[in-house]
Amino acid sequence: MISHRLPPAGRPLEIVHDEQRAVVTCSGATLRSYDVGGRPVVEAFHGPDSVGVGCQGEVLAPWPNRVVDGRWTWHGSSFQLWITEPERGHALHGLVRTLTWNVVEHRENHVEMDVLLLAQPGWPFPLHVVVSYALDPTGLTSVLTATNVGRQPCPYGAGMHPYLAMPRGTVDDAVLHLPAATWLATDGRLAPTGRRSTAGTSFDFTDGTPIGQRRADTAFTDLRTEENGRVEARVSAPDGHTAVLWGDASVRWWQLFTGDALPEPWPRAALALEPMTCGPNALNSQEDLIVLEPGAAHSMTWGLFLA
C-alpha cells in the first residue's frame, strides 16, 4: 500500500543557481517551471503539482510533432501508432512524455533522469533515453540523449516543448525574432503540404514588430546559424525582458505555437517555441530524420536564458 501521496505530475525535483530556479517532474521528465529572480521565464501553468497543459515542458521523443494518421513505413514495413491527438487523428510528440522517468542524479543545480522505452505496437525499436537539466551563470541548459539498445537500425527525432511566459501581457504584445528562411504549410488537420519562403509573409519574424493577431502552430526550418554555431530565437515579453532560446547544430527546426487552441484561461497567454531535430511527419518524409545504428547514440543540446 502506498503510504504517501504524489502530485499528478509525479515527484518534483528542484534545482537552483543564484537567482535561478527550475522544477522538473518525474512524469515525462517535464520542465514544469523556470524563473530568474522570481520572474517566470517559462510558463508554469498551475504549477509543479498539476497536470501540464498543451504538452507544456515535455520531452518529445522518439519523434517530435505529428505522425499523420499515426501511420508510417520503415524499410518496407508498415506501422500504426496509437492515436494520441484524436481531434486531428495523429500520433503526437512521441512516446516518453507520459512515462515515469528514473532519477539518475540530483544535485543543487543539476538533475539527470532516464527511461527505457520498450518496443510496442507501432514502434518496434527499444531506446534508452536520458535527459539532463542544469543551471549555471549562462542560464538553463538541457541535453537529451537517446541510445539504440535494439538489434536493428532505428529512425529517430527529438524535441522539447517549453512555453515562454508573457508577464504583464499576452502573446499579442510580444516581439519574436526567429531567423528562418522557410515555414512548413499545413492543411486543416496540421498535416504538412509543402515548404514556403518566409520572406514577405506573416511568418517573417525578423522585422521587430509585435506578434499581434498572427496565429501559428507552424514549423520553421532553414535556420540561421550564429557565429557560435548555435541557432537562436529571441522573445521580448510585454514586461520588457527578453528570453533567448538556443539549440546546437542538431536543432534544425523550430515549432511555433501561439496557444490559440489551449483551454481557458491559457489561449495566447504563453508562447511555445520548440527546438526540434526534424519537422512534422518526419517518420514518413524522412527529412532530417536521424538513423541510430544498434548501440549508437544521439544528443540534442538546447538552452534558455533571460537576457
C-alpha atoms as a PDB file:
ATOM      1  CA  MET A   1       0.000   0.000   0.000  1.00  0.00           C
ATOM      2  CA  ILE A   2       1.314   3.437  -0.910  1.00  0.00           C
ATOM      3  CA  SER A   3       1.857   5.401   2.292  1.00  0.00           C
ATOM      4  CA  HIS A   4       2.441   8.792   0.708  1.00  0.00           C
ATOM      5  CA  ARG A   5       0.737  10.924  -1.890  1.00  0.00           C
ATOM      6  CA  LEU A   6       2.278  12.023  -5.169  1.00  0.00           C
ATOM      7  CA  PRO A   7       1.237  15.067  -7.175  1.00  0.00           C
ATOM      8  CA  PRO A   8      -0.377  14.310 -10.538  1.00  0.00           C
ATOM      9  CA  ALA A   9       2.867  15.129 -12.343  1.00  0.00           C
ATOM     10  CA  GLY A  10       4.938  12.859 -10.106  1.00  0.00           C
ATOM     11  CA  ARG A  11       7.811  13.756  -7.813  1.00  0.00           C
ATOM     12  CA  PRO A  12       9.007  17.354  -8.349  1.00  0.00           C
ATOM     13  CA  LEU A  13      12.765  17.976  -8.408  1.00  0.00           C
ATOM     14  CA  GLU A  14      14.052  21.489  -7.806  1.00  0.00           C
ATOM     15  CA  ILE A  15      17.384  22.861  -8.994  1.00  0.00           C
ATOM     16  CA  VAL A  16      18.765  26.309  -8.160  1.00  0.00           C
ATOM     17  CA  HIS A  17      21.676  28.590  -9.010  1.00  0.00           C
ATOM     18  CA  ASP A  18      21.830  32.079  -7.504  1.00  0.00           C
ATOM     19  CA  GLU A  19      18.513  33.721  -8.523  1.00  0.00           C
ATOM     20  CA  GLN A  20      17.581  30.953 -10.960  1.00  0.00           C
ATOM     21  CA  ARG A  21      15.160  28.177 -10.026  1.00  0.00           C
ATOM     22  CA  ALA A  22      13.709  25.317 -12.074  1.00  0.00           C
ATOM     23  CA  VAL A  23      11.429  22.383 -11.299  1.00  0.00           C
ATOM     24  CA  VAL A  24      11.418  19.103 -13.223  1.00  0.00           C
ATOM     25  CA  THR A  25       8.937  16.295 -12.576  1.00  0.00           C
ATOM     26  CA  CYS A  26       9.346  12.529 -12.842  1.00  0.00           C
ATOM     27  CA  SER A  27       6.324  12.268 -15.120  1.00  0.00           C
ATOM     28  CA  GLY A  28       7.820  12.723 -18.580  1.00  0.00           C
ATOM     29  CA  ALA A  29      10.969  14.416 -17.188  1.00  0.00           C
ATOM     30  CA  THR A  30       8.950  17.566 -17.797  1.00  0.00           C
ATOM     31  CA  LEU A  31      10.350  21.061 -17.252  1.00  0.00           C
ATOM     32  CA  ARG A  32       7.497  22.491 -15.209  1.00  0.00           C
ATOM     33  CA  SER A  33       8.955  25.862 -14.240  1.00  0.00           C
ATOM     34  CA  TYR A  34      11.995  28.091 -14.676  1.00  0.00           C
ATOM     35  CA  ASP A  35      12.292  31.546 -13.178  1.00  0.00           C
ATOM     36  CA  VAL A  36      15.005  34.136 -12.580  1.00  0.00           C
ATOM     37  CA  GLY A  37      14.709  36.375  -9.551  1.00  0.00           C
ATOM     38  CA  GLY A  38      11.066  35.326  -9.200  1.00  0.00           C
ATOM     39  CA  ARG A  39      10.264  36.329 -12.783  1.00  0.00           C
ATOM     40  CA  PRO A  40       8.921  33.329 -14.767  1.00  0.00           C
ATOM     41  CA  VAL A  41      10.862  32.536 -17.935  1.00  0.00           C
ATOM     42  CA  VAL A  42       8.703  29.537 -18.833  1.00  0.00           C
ATOM     43  CA  GLU A  43       5.006  29.469 -18.024  1.00  0.00           C
ATOM     44  CA  ALA A  44       4.349  27.065 -15.145  1.00  0.00           C
ATOM     45  CA  PHE A  45       0.587  26.924 -15.764  1.00  0.00           C
ATOM     46  CA  HIS A  46      -0.917  25.656 -12.489  1.00  0.00           C
ATOM     47  CA  GLY A  47       2.486  24.865 -11.025  1.00  0.00           C
ATOM     48  CA  PRO A  48       4.516  21.700 -10.464  1.00  0.00           C
ATOM     49  CA  ASP A  49       1.734  19.912  -8.563  1.00  0.00           C
ATOM     50  CA  SER A  50      -0.672  19.898 -11.501  1.00  0.00           C
ATOM     51  CA  VAL A  51      -1.077  18.128 -14.822  1.00  0.00           C
ATOM     52  CA  GLY A  52       0.527  20.052 -17.687  1.00  0.00           C
ATOM     53  CA  VAL A  53      -1.469  21.848 -20.361  1.00  0.00           C
ATOM     54  CA  GLY A  54      -0.724  21.631 -24.094  1.00  0.00           C
ATOM     55  CA  CYS A  55       2.354  19.368 -23.701  1.00  0.00           C
ATOM     56  CA  GLN A  56       3.960  22.079 -21.574  1.00  0.00           C
ATOM     57  CA  GLY A  57       7.636  21.414 -20.888  1.00  0.00           C
ATOM     58  CA  GLU A  58       7.596  17.866 -22.238  1.00  0.00           C
ATOM     59  CA  VAL A  59      10.338  15.741 -23.810  1.00  0.00           C
ATOM     60  CA  LEU A  60       9.394  14.833 -27.385  1.00  0.00           C
ATOM     61  CA  ALA A  61      10.962  11.534 -28.496  1.00  0.00           C
ATOM     62  CA  PRO A  62      11.394   9.343 -30.486  1.00  0.00           C
ATOM     63  CA  TRP A  63       9.730  11.868 -32.759  1.00  0.00           C
ATOM     64  CA  PRO A  64       8.539  15.453 -32.257  1.00  0.00           C
ATOM     65  CA  ASN A  65       5.318  16.904 -33.635  1.00  0.00           C
ATOM     66  CA  ARG A  66       2.859  14.762 -35.614  1.00  0.00           C
ATOM     67  CA  VAL A  67       2.888  11.474 -37.473  1.00  0.00           C
ATOM     68  CA  VAL A  68      -0.043  11.923 -39.838  1.00  0.00           C
ATOM     69  CA  ASP A  69      -2.780   9.360 -39.118  1.00  0.00           C
ATOM     70  CA  GLY A  70      -0.247   7.578 -36.904  1.00  0.00           C
ATOM     71  CA  ARG A  71       0.864   5.555 -39.949  1.00  0.00           C
ATOM     72  CA  TRP A  72       4.421   5.272 -41.222  1.00  0.00           C
ATOM     73  CA  THR A  73       6.735   2.912 -43.063  1.00  0.00           C
ATOM     74  CA  TRP A  74      10.334   1.899 -42.496  1.00  0.00           C
ATOM     75  CA  HIS A  75      12.477  -0.410 -44.640  1.00  0.00           C
ATOM     76  CA  GLY A  76       9.416  -1.818 -46.355  1.00  0.00           C
ATOM     77  CA  SER A  77       7.379  -2.447 -43.189  1.00  0.00           C
ATOM     78  CA  SER A  78       4.238  -0.501 -42.266  1.00  0.00           C
ATOM     79  CA  PHE A  79       3.409   0.558 -38.710  1.00  0.00           C
ATOM     80  CA  GLN A  80       0.376   2.005 -36.952  1.00  0.00           C
ATOM     81  CA  LEU A  81       0.961   4.132 -33.837  1.00  0.00           C
ATOM     82  CA  TRP A  82      -1.629   4.840 -31.195  1.00  0.00           C
ATOM     83  CA  ILE A  83      -3.600   7.989 -31.984  1.00  0.00           C
ATOM     84  CA  THR A  84      -2.808  10.495 -29.242  1.00  0.00           C
ATOM     85  CA  GLU A  85      -4.266  13.578 -30.923  1.00  0.00           C
ATOM     86  CA  PRO A  86      -7.812  12.278 -31.516  1.00  0.00           C
ATOM     87  CA  GLU A  87      -9.269  15.619 -32.627  1.00  0.00           C
ATOM     88  CA  ARG A  88      -6.954  15.547 -35.668  1.00  0.00           C
ATOM     89  CA  GLY A  89      -6.295  11.817 -35.904  1.00  0.00           C
ATOM     90  CA  HIS A  90      -2.495  11.878 -35.498  1.00  0.00           C
ATOM     91  CA  ALA A  91       0.191  10.398 -33.242  1.00  0.00           C
ATOM     92  CA  LEU A  92       1.611  13.370 -31.353  1.00  0.00           C
ATOM     93  CA  HIS A  93       5.012  14.113 -29.805  1.00  0.00           C
ATOM     94  CA  GLY A  94       6.476  10.666 -29.302  1.00  0.00           C
ATOM     95  CA  LEU A  95       6.174   8.045 -26.578  1.00  0.00           C
ATOM     96  CA  VAL A  96       8.122   9.164 -23.498  1.00  0.00           C
ATOM     97  CA  ARG A  97       6.258  12.276 -22.367  1.00  0.00           C
ATOM     98  CA  THR A  98       3.863  10.414 -20.038  1.00  0.00           C
ATOM     99  CA  LEU A  99       6.264   7.740 -18.784  1.00  0.00           C
ATOM    100  CA  THR A 100       7.699   7.755 -15.269  1.00  0.00           C
ATOM    101  CA  TRP A 101      11.391   8.611 -15.513  1.00  0.00           C
ATOM    102  CA  ASN A 102      14.072   7.477 -13.061  1.00  0.00           C
ATOM    103  CA  VAL A 103      16.245   9.957 -11.196  1.00  0.00           C
ATOM    104  CA  VAL A 104      19.884   9.182 -12.056  1.00  0.00           C
ATOM    105  CA  GLU A 105      21.425  12.166 -10.302  1.00  0.00           C
ATOM    106  CA  HIS A 106      20.088  15.181  -8.441  1.00  0.00           C
ATOM    107  CA  ARG A 107      22.402  17.929  -7.218  1.00  0.00           C
ATOM    108  CA  GLU A 108      21.710  21.503  -6.204  1.00  0.00           C
ATOM    109  CA  ASN A 109      21.950  22.887  -9.750  1.00  0.00           C
ATOM    110  CA  HIS A 110      21.650  19.727 -11.871  1.00  0.00           C
ATOM    111  CA  VAL A 111      19.251  16.842 -12.413  1.00  0.00           C
ATOM    112  CA  GLU A 112      19.583  13.844 -14.729  1.00  0.00           C
ATOM    113  CA  MET A 113      16.809  11.351 -15.482  1.00  0.00           C
ATOM    114  CA  ASP A 114      16.431   8.325 -17.719  1.00  0.00           C
ATOM    115  CA  VAL A 115      13.795   5.975 -19.084  1.00  0.00           C
ATOM    116  CA  LEU A 116      13.809   2.756 -21.098  1.00  0.00           C
ATOM    117  CA  LEU A 117      11.372   2.925 -23.988  1.00  0.00           C
ATOM    118  CA  LEU A 118      10.435  -0.637 -24.857  1.00  0.00           C
ATOM    119  CA  ALA A 119       9.270  -1.908 -28.230  1.00  0.00           C
ATOM    120  CA  GLN A 120       5.489  -1.677 -28.558  1.00  0.00           C
ATOM    121  CA  PRO A 121       2.735  -1.696 -31.196  1.00  0.00           C
ATOM    122  CA  GLY A 122       3.696   0.755 -33.928  1.00  0.00           C
ATOM    123  CA  TRP A 123       7.209   1.246 -32.557  1.00  0.00           C
ATOM    124  CA  PRO A 124       9.469  -1.854 -32.586  1.00  0.00           C
ATOM    125  CA  PHE A 125      12.653  -0.053 -31.508  1.00  0.00           C
ATOM    126  CA  PRO A 126      13.804  -0.065 -27.844  1.00  0.00           C
ATOM    127  CA  LEU A 127      15.629   3.097 -26.792  1.00  0.00           C
ATOM    128  CA  HIS A 128      17.377   4.262 -23.645  1.00  0.00           C
ATOM    129  CA  VAL A 129      16.660   7.982 -23.245  1.00  0.00           C
ATOM    130  CA  VAL A 130      18.481  10.317 -20.860  1.00  0.00           C
ATOM    131  CA  VAL A 131      17.751  13.987 -20.205  1.00  0.00           C
ATOM    132  CA  SER A 132      19.573  16.461 -18.002  1.00  0.00           C
ATOM    133  CA  TYR A 133      18.787  19.999 -16.877  1.00  0.00           C
ATOM    134  CA  ALA A 134      21.430  22.275 -15.367  1.00  0.00           C
ATOM    135  CA  LEU A 135      21.582  25.866 -14.142  1.00  0.00           C
ATOM    136  CA  ASP A 136      24.759  27.937 -14.242  1.00  0.00           C
ATOM    137  CA  PRO A 137      25.696  31.583 -14.896  1.00  0.00           C
ATOM    138  CA  THR A 138      24.746  31.143 -18.589  1.00  0.00           C
ATOM    139  CA  GLY A 139      21.178  30.066 -17.782  1.00  0.00           C
ATOM    140  CA  LEU A 140      19.365  26.755 -18.238  1.00  0.00           C
ATOM    141  CA  THR A 141      20.971  24.028 -20.366  1.00  0.00           C
ATOM    142  CA  SER A 142      19.361  20.710 -21.244  1.00  0.00           C
ATOM    143  CA  VAL A 143      20.841  17.675 -23.010  1.00  0.00           C
ATOM    144  CA  LEU A 144      18.625  14.938 -24.465  1.00  0.00           C
ATOM    145  CA  THR A 145      20.385  11.686 -25.458  1.00  0.00           C
ATOM    146  CA  ALA A 146      18.888   8.552 -26.978  1.00  0.00           C
ATOM    147  CA  THR A 147      20.753   5.253 -27.423  1.00  0.00           C
ATOM    148  CA  ASN A 148      19.554   2.455 -29.666  1.00  0.00           C
ATOM    149  CA  VAL A 149      19.542  -0.631 -27.410  1.00  0.00           C
ATOM    150  CA  GLY A 150      17.865  -2.787 -30.047  1.00  0.00           C
ATOM    151  CA  ARG A 151      19.215  -5.030 -32.798  1.00  0.00           C
ATOM    152  CA  GLN A 152      18.220  -3.063 -35.893  1.00  0.00           C
ATOM    153  CA  PRO A 153      18.705   0.489 -37.188  1.00  0.00           C
ATOM    154  CA  CYS A 154      16.235   2.872 -35.568  1.00  0.00           C
ATOM    155  CA  PRO A 155      14.737   6.075 -37.024  1.00  0.00           C
ATOM    156  CA  TYR A 156      14.774   8.898 -34.514  1.00  0.00           C
ATOM    157  CA  GLY A 157      13.814  12.511 -33.965  1.00  0.00           C
ATOM    158  CA  ALA A 158      13.536  14.660 -30.848  1.00  0.00           C
ATOM    159  CA  GLY A 159      12.353  17.953 -29.476  1.00  0.00           C
ATOM    160  CA  MET A 160      11.372  19.862 -26.343  1.00  0.00           C
ATOM    161  CA  HIS A 161       8.217  21.845 -25.632  1.00  0.00           C
ATOM    162  CA  PRO A 162       8.827  24.930 -23.443  1.00  0.00           C
ATOM    163  CA  TYR A 163       6.239  27.695 -23.210  1.00  0.00           C
ATOM    164  CA  LEU A 164       7.735  31.146 -22.711  1.00  0.00           C
ATOM    165  CA  ALA A 165       5.970  33.294 -20.132  1.00  0.00           C
ATOM    166  CA  MET A 166       4.283  36.594 -21.025  1.00  0.00           C
ATOM    167  CA  PRO A 167       4.271  38.700 -17.823  1.00  0.00           C
ATOM    168  CA  ARG A 168       2.082  41.831 -17.988  1.00  0.00           C
ATOM    169  CA  GLY A 169       0.507  40.901 -21.295  1.00  0.00           C
ATOM    170  CA  THR A 170      -0.173  38.249 -23.896  1.00  0.00           C
ATOM    171  CA  VAL A 171       1.445  36.738 -26.974  1.00  0.00           C
ATOM    172  CA  ASP A 172      -0.056  39.637 -28.973  1.00  0.00           C
ATOM    173  CA  ASP A 173       2.266  42.087 -27.217  1.00  0.00           C
ATOM    174  CA  ALA A 174       5.457  40.033 -27.581  1.00  0.00           C
ATOM    175  CA  VAL A 175       8.161  40.607 -30.201  1.00  0.00           C
ATOM    176  CA  LEU A 176       9.590  37.405 -31.682  1.00  0.00           C
ATOM    177  CA  HIS A 177      12.907  37.259 -33.533  1.00  0.00           C
ATOM    178  CA  LEU A 178      13.055  33.912 -35.328  1.00  0.00           C
ATOM    179  CA  PRO A 179      15.530  33.936 -38.259  1.00  0.00           C
ATOM    180  CA  ALA A 180      14.253  31.156 -40.540  1.00  0.00           C
ATOM    181  CA  ALA A 181      14.033  31.169 -44.333  1.00  0.00           C
ATOM    182  CA  THR A 182      11.299  28.548 -44.622  1.00  0.00           C
ATOM    183  CA  TRP A 183       7.998  27.656 -42.999  1.00  0.00           C
ATOM    184  CA  LEU A 184       6.013  24.461 -43.488  1.00  0.00           C
ATOM    185  CA  ALA A 185       2.466  24.898 -44.794  1.00  0.00           C
ATOM    186  CA  THR A 186      -0.215  22.547 -43.438  1.00  0.00           C
ATOM    187  CA  ASP A 187      -3.824  21.641 -44.085  1.00  0.00           C
ATOM    188  CA  GLY A 188      -6.758  21.900 -41.671  1.00  0.00           C
ATOM    189  CA  ARG A 189      -5.501  18.879 -39.737  1.00  0.00           C
ATOM    190  CA  LEU A 190      -1.977  20.349 -39.495  1.00  0.00           C
ATOM    191  CA  ALA A 191      -0.660  17.719 -41.901  1.00  0.00           C
ATOM    192  CA  PRO A 192       2.259  19.135 -43.949  1.00  0.00           C
ATOM    193  CA  THR A 193       1.548  20.217 -47.512  1.00  0.00           C
ATOM    194  CA  GLY A 194       4.852  21.836 -48.523  1.00  0.00           C
ATOM    195  CA  ARG A 195       7.567  24.341 -47.730  1.00  0.00           C
ATOM    196  CA  ARG A 196       7.154  28.072 -48.273  1.00  0.00           C
ATOM    197  CA  SER A 197       9.521  31.028 -48.063  1.00  0.00           C
ATOM    198  CA  THR A 198       9.025  33.273 -45.019  1.00  0.00           C
ATOM    199  CA  ALA A 199      10.107  36.391 -46.952  1.00  0.00           C
ATOM    200  CA  GLY A 200       7.289  38.905 -47.277  1.00  0.00           C
ATOM    201  CA  THR A 201       4.788  36.756 -45.376  1.00  0.00           C
ATOM    202  CA  SER A 202       3.166  36.891 -41.951  1.00  0.00           C
ATOM    203  CA  PHE A 203       5.641  34.172 -40.942  1.00  0.00           C
ATOM    204  CA  ASP A 204       8.617  36.507 -41.278  1.00  0.00           C
ATOM    205  CA  PHE A 205       9.524  37.159 -37.637  1.00  0.00           C
ATOM    206  CA  THR A 206      12.614  39.301 -38.197  1.00  0.00           C
ATOM    207  CA  ASP A 207      11.209  42.827 -38.555  1.00  0.00           C
ATOM    208  CA  GLY A 208      10.912  43.658 -34.840  1.00  0.00           C
ATOM    209  CA  THR A 209       7.155  44.148 -34.819  1.00  0.00           C
ATOM    210  CA  PRO A 210       4.875  42.566 -32.198  1.00  0.00           C
ATOM    211  CA  ILE A 211       3.236  39.238 -32.982  1.00  0.00           C
ATOM    212  CA  GLY A 212      -0.141  40.961 -32.831  1.00  0.00           C
ATOM    213  CA  GLN A 213      -3.033  38.870 -34.135  1.00  0.00           C
ATOM    214  CA  ARG A 214      -0.833  36.423 -36.043  1.00  0.00           C
ATOM    215  CA  ARG A 215      -1.695  32.796 -35.287  1.00  0.00           C
ATOM    216  CA  ALA A 216       0.738  29.919 -35.634  1.00  0.00           C
ATOM    217  CA  ASP A 217       1.065  26.225 -34.993  1.00  0.00           C
ATOM    218  CA  THR A 218       3.826  26.175 -37.544  1.00  0.00           C
ATOM    219  CA  ALA A 219       7.238  24.613 -38.159  1.00  0.00           C
ATOM    220  CA  PHE A 220      10.200  26.678 -39.384  1.00  0.00           C
ATOM    221  CA  THR A 221      13.470  25.474 -40.907  1.00  0.00           C
ATOM    222  CA  ASP A 222      16.477  26.683 -42.896  1.00  0.00           C
ATOM    223  CA  LEU A 223      17.507  28.397 -39.698  1.00  0.00           C
ATOM    224  CA  ARG A 224      20.259  30.968 -39.485  1.00  0.00           C
ATOM    225  CA  THR A 225      23.347  29.709 -37.655  1.00  0.00           C
ATOM    226  CA  GLU A 226      25.066  32.184 -35.343  1.00  0.00           C
ATOM    227  CA  GLU A 227      28.830  32.644 -35.140  1.00  0.00           C
ATOM    228  CA  ASN A 228      28.906  30.391 -32.087  1.00  0.00           C
ATOM    229  CA  GLY A 229      27.424  27.539 -34.147  1.00  0.00           C
ATOM    230  CA  ARG A 230      24.027  27.715 -32.490  1.00  0.00           C
ATOM    231  CA  VAL A 231      20.589  28.578 -33.744  1.00  0.00           C
ATOM    232  CA  GLU A 232      18.775  31.198 -31.658  1.00  0.00           C
ATOM    233  CA  ALA A 233      15.350  32.737 -31.236  1.00  0.00           C
ATOM    234  CA  ARG A 234      14.505  35.702 -29.020  1.00  0.00           C
ATOM    235  CA  VAL A 235      11.190  36.647 -27.441  1.00  0.00           C
ATOM    236  CA  SER A 236      10.745  40.077 -25.862  1.00  0.00           C
ATOM    237  CA  ALA A 237       7.817  39.782 -23.486  1.00  0.00           C
ATOM    238  CA  PRO A 238       5.398  42.601 -22.578  1.00  0.00           C
ATOM    239  CA  ASP A 239       7.329  43.344 -19.364  1.00  0.00           C
ATOM    240  CA  GLY A 240      10.408  44.290 -21.396  1.00  0.00           C
ATOM    241  CA  HIS A 241      12.521  41.214 -20.611  1.00  0.00           C
ATOM    242  CA  THR A 242      13.899  39.092 -23.447  1.00  0.00           C
ATOM    243  CA  ALA A 243      14.183  35.302 -23.307  1.00  0.00           C
ATOM    244  CA  VAL A 244      16.765  33.707 -25.586  1.00  0.00           C
ATOM    245  CA  LEU A 245      16.196  30.114 -26.673  1.00  0.00           C
ATOM    246  CA  TRP A 246      19.084  28.327 -28.393  1.00  0.00           C
ATOM    247  CA  GLY A 247      19.955  24.960 -29.856  1.00  0.00           C
ATOM    248  CA  ASP A 248      23.083  23.178 -31.016  1.00  0.00           C
ATOM    249  CA  ALA A 249      23.710  22.029 -34.595  1.00  0.00           C
ATOM    250  CA  SER A 250      21.246  19.138 -34.219  1.00  0.00           C
ATOM    251  CA  VAL A 251      18.349  21.605 -33.879  1.00  0.00           C
ATOM    252  CA  ARG A 252      17.209  22.013 -37.489  1.00  0.00           C
ATOM    253  CA  TRP A 253      13.637  23.182 -36.826  1.00  0.00           C
ATOM    254  CA  TRP A 254      11.566  25.390 -34.536  1.00  0.00           C
ATOM    255  CA  GLN A 255       7.872  24.807 -33.917  1.00  0.00           C
ATOM    256  CA  LEU A 256       5.994  27.993 -33.025  1.00  0.00           C
ATOM    257  CA  PHE A 257       2.632  27.743 -31.266  1.00  0.00           C
ATOM    258  CA  THR A 258       0.757  30.901 -30.266  1.00  0.00           C
ATOM    259  CA  GLY A 259      -1.525  28.912 -27.973  1.00  0.00           C
ATOM    260  CA  ASP A 260      -4.843  29.693 -29.622  1.00  0.00           C
ATOM    261  CA  ALA A 261      -6.150  26.123 -29.205  1.00  0.00           C
ATOM    262  CA  LEU A 262      -5.359  25.841 -25.494  1.00  0.00           C
ATOM    263  CA  PRO A 263      -8.221  25.607 -22.990  1.00  0.00           C
ATOM    264  CA  GLU A 264      -9.193  28.612 -20.903  1.00  0.00           C
ATOM    265  CA  PRO A 265      -7.530  30.580 -19.402  1.00  0.00           C
ATOM    266  CA  TRP A 266      -4.431  29.784 -21.465  1.00  0.00           C
ATOM    267  CA  PRO A 267      -5.144  30.911 -25.070  1.00  0.00           C
ATOM    268  CA  ARG A 268      -2.326  33.267 -26.148  1.00  0.00           C
ATOM    269  CA  ALA A 269      -1.128  33.529 -22.541  1.00  0.00           C
ATOM    270  CA  ALA A 270       2.229  31.880 -23.331  1.00  0.00           C
ATOM    271  CA  LEU A 271       4.277  31.213 -26.458  1.00  0.00           C
ATOM    272  CA  ALA A 272       5.524  27.700 -27.242  1.00  0.00           C
ATOM    273  CA  LEU A 273       8.817  27.669 -29.103  1.00  0.00           C
ATOM    274  CA  GLU A 274      10.049  24.112 -29.581  1.00  0.00           C
ATOM    275  CA  PRO A 275      13.571  23.123 -30.685  1.00  0.00           C
ATOM    276  CA  MET A 276      13.356  20.016 -32.897  1.00  0.00           C
ATOM    277  CA  THR A 277      15.813  17.858 -34.811  1.00  0.00           C
ATOM    278  CA  CYS A 278      13.265  17.212 -37.575  1.00  0.00           C
ATOM    279  CA  GLY A 279       9.942  18.562 -38.745  1.00  0.00           C
ATOM    280  CA  PRO A 280       6.353  17.304 -38.663  1.00  0.00           C
ATOM    281  CA  ASN A 281       5.675  13.831 -40.108  1.00  0.00           C
ATOM    282  CA  ALA A 282       9.397  13.101 -40.415  1.00  0.00           C
ATOM    283  CA  LEU A 283       8.874   9.368 -39.907  1.00  0.00           C
ATOM    284  CA  ASN A 284       7.198   9.450 -43.331  1.00  0.00           C
ATOM    285  CA  SER A 285       9.107  12.197 -45.141  1.00  0.00           C
ATOM    286  CA  GLN A 286      12.423  11.055 -43.583  1.00  0.00           C
ATOM    287  CA  GLU A 287      13.613  14.660 -43.927  1.00  0.00           C
ATOM    288  CA  ASP A 288      16.271  15.398 -41.289  1.00  0.00           C
ATOM    289  CA  LEU A 289      15.440  12.024 -39.707  1.00  0.00           C
ATOM    290  CA  ILE A 290      18.302  10.524 -37.689  1.00  0.00           C
ATOM    291  CA  VAL A 291      19.147   6.830 -38.077  1.00  0.00           C
ATOM    292  CA  LEU A 292      20.637   5.191 -34.990  1.00  0.00           C
ATOM    293  CA  GLU A 293      22.558   2.003 -35.634  1.00  0.00           C
ATOM    294  CA  PRO A 294      22.472  -0.608 -32.836  1.00  0.00           C
ATOM    295  CA  GLY A 295      24.446   0.780 -29.901  1.00  0.00           C
ATOM    296  CA  ALA A 296      24.648   4.285 -31.386  1.00  0.00           C
ATOM    297  CA  ALA A 297      23.537   7.417 -29.528  1.00  0.00           C
ATOM    298  CA  HIS A 298      22.377  10.905 -30.474  1.00  0.00           C
ATOM    299  CA  SER A 299      22.361  14.040 -28.316  1.00  0.00           C
ATOM    300  CA  MET A 300      20.492  17.319 -28.711  1.00  0.00           C
ATOM    301  CA  THR A 301      21.510  20.265 -26.548  1.00  0.00           C
ATOM    302  CA  TRP A 302      19.391  23.335 -26.067  1.00  0.00           C
ATOM    303  CA  GLY A 303      19.161  26.136 -23.568  1.00  0.00           C
ATOM    304  CA  LEU A 304      17.324  29.183 -22.354  1.00  0.00           C
ATOM    305  CA  PHE A 305      18.294  32.349 -20.548  1.00  0.00           C
ATOM    306  CA  LEU A 306      16.885  35.739 -19.678  1.00  0.00           C
ATOM    307  CA  ALA A 307      18.800  38.494 -21.449  1.00  0.00           C
END
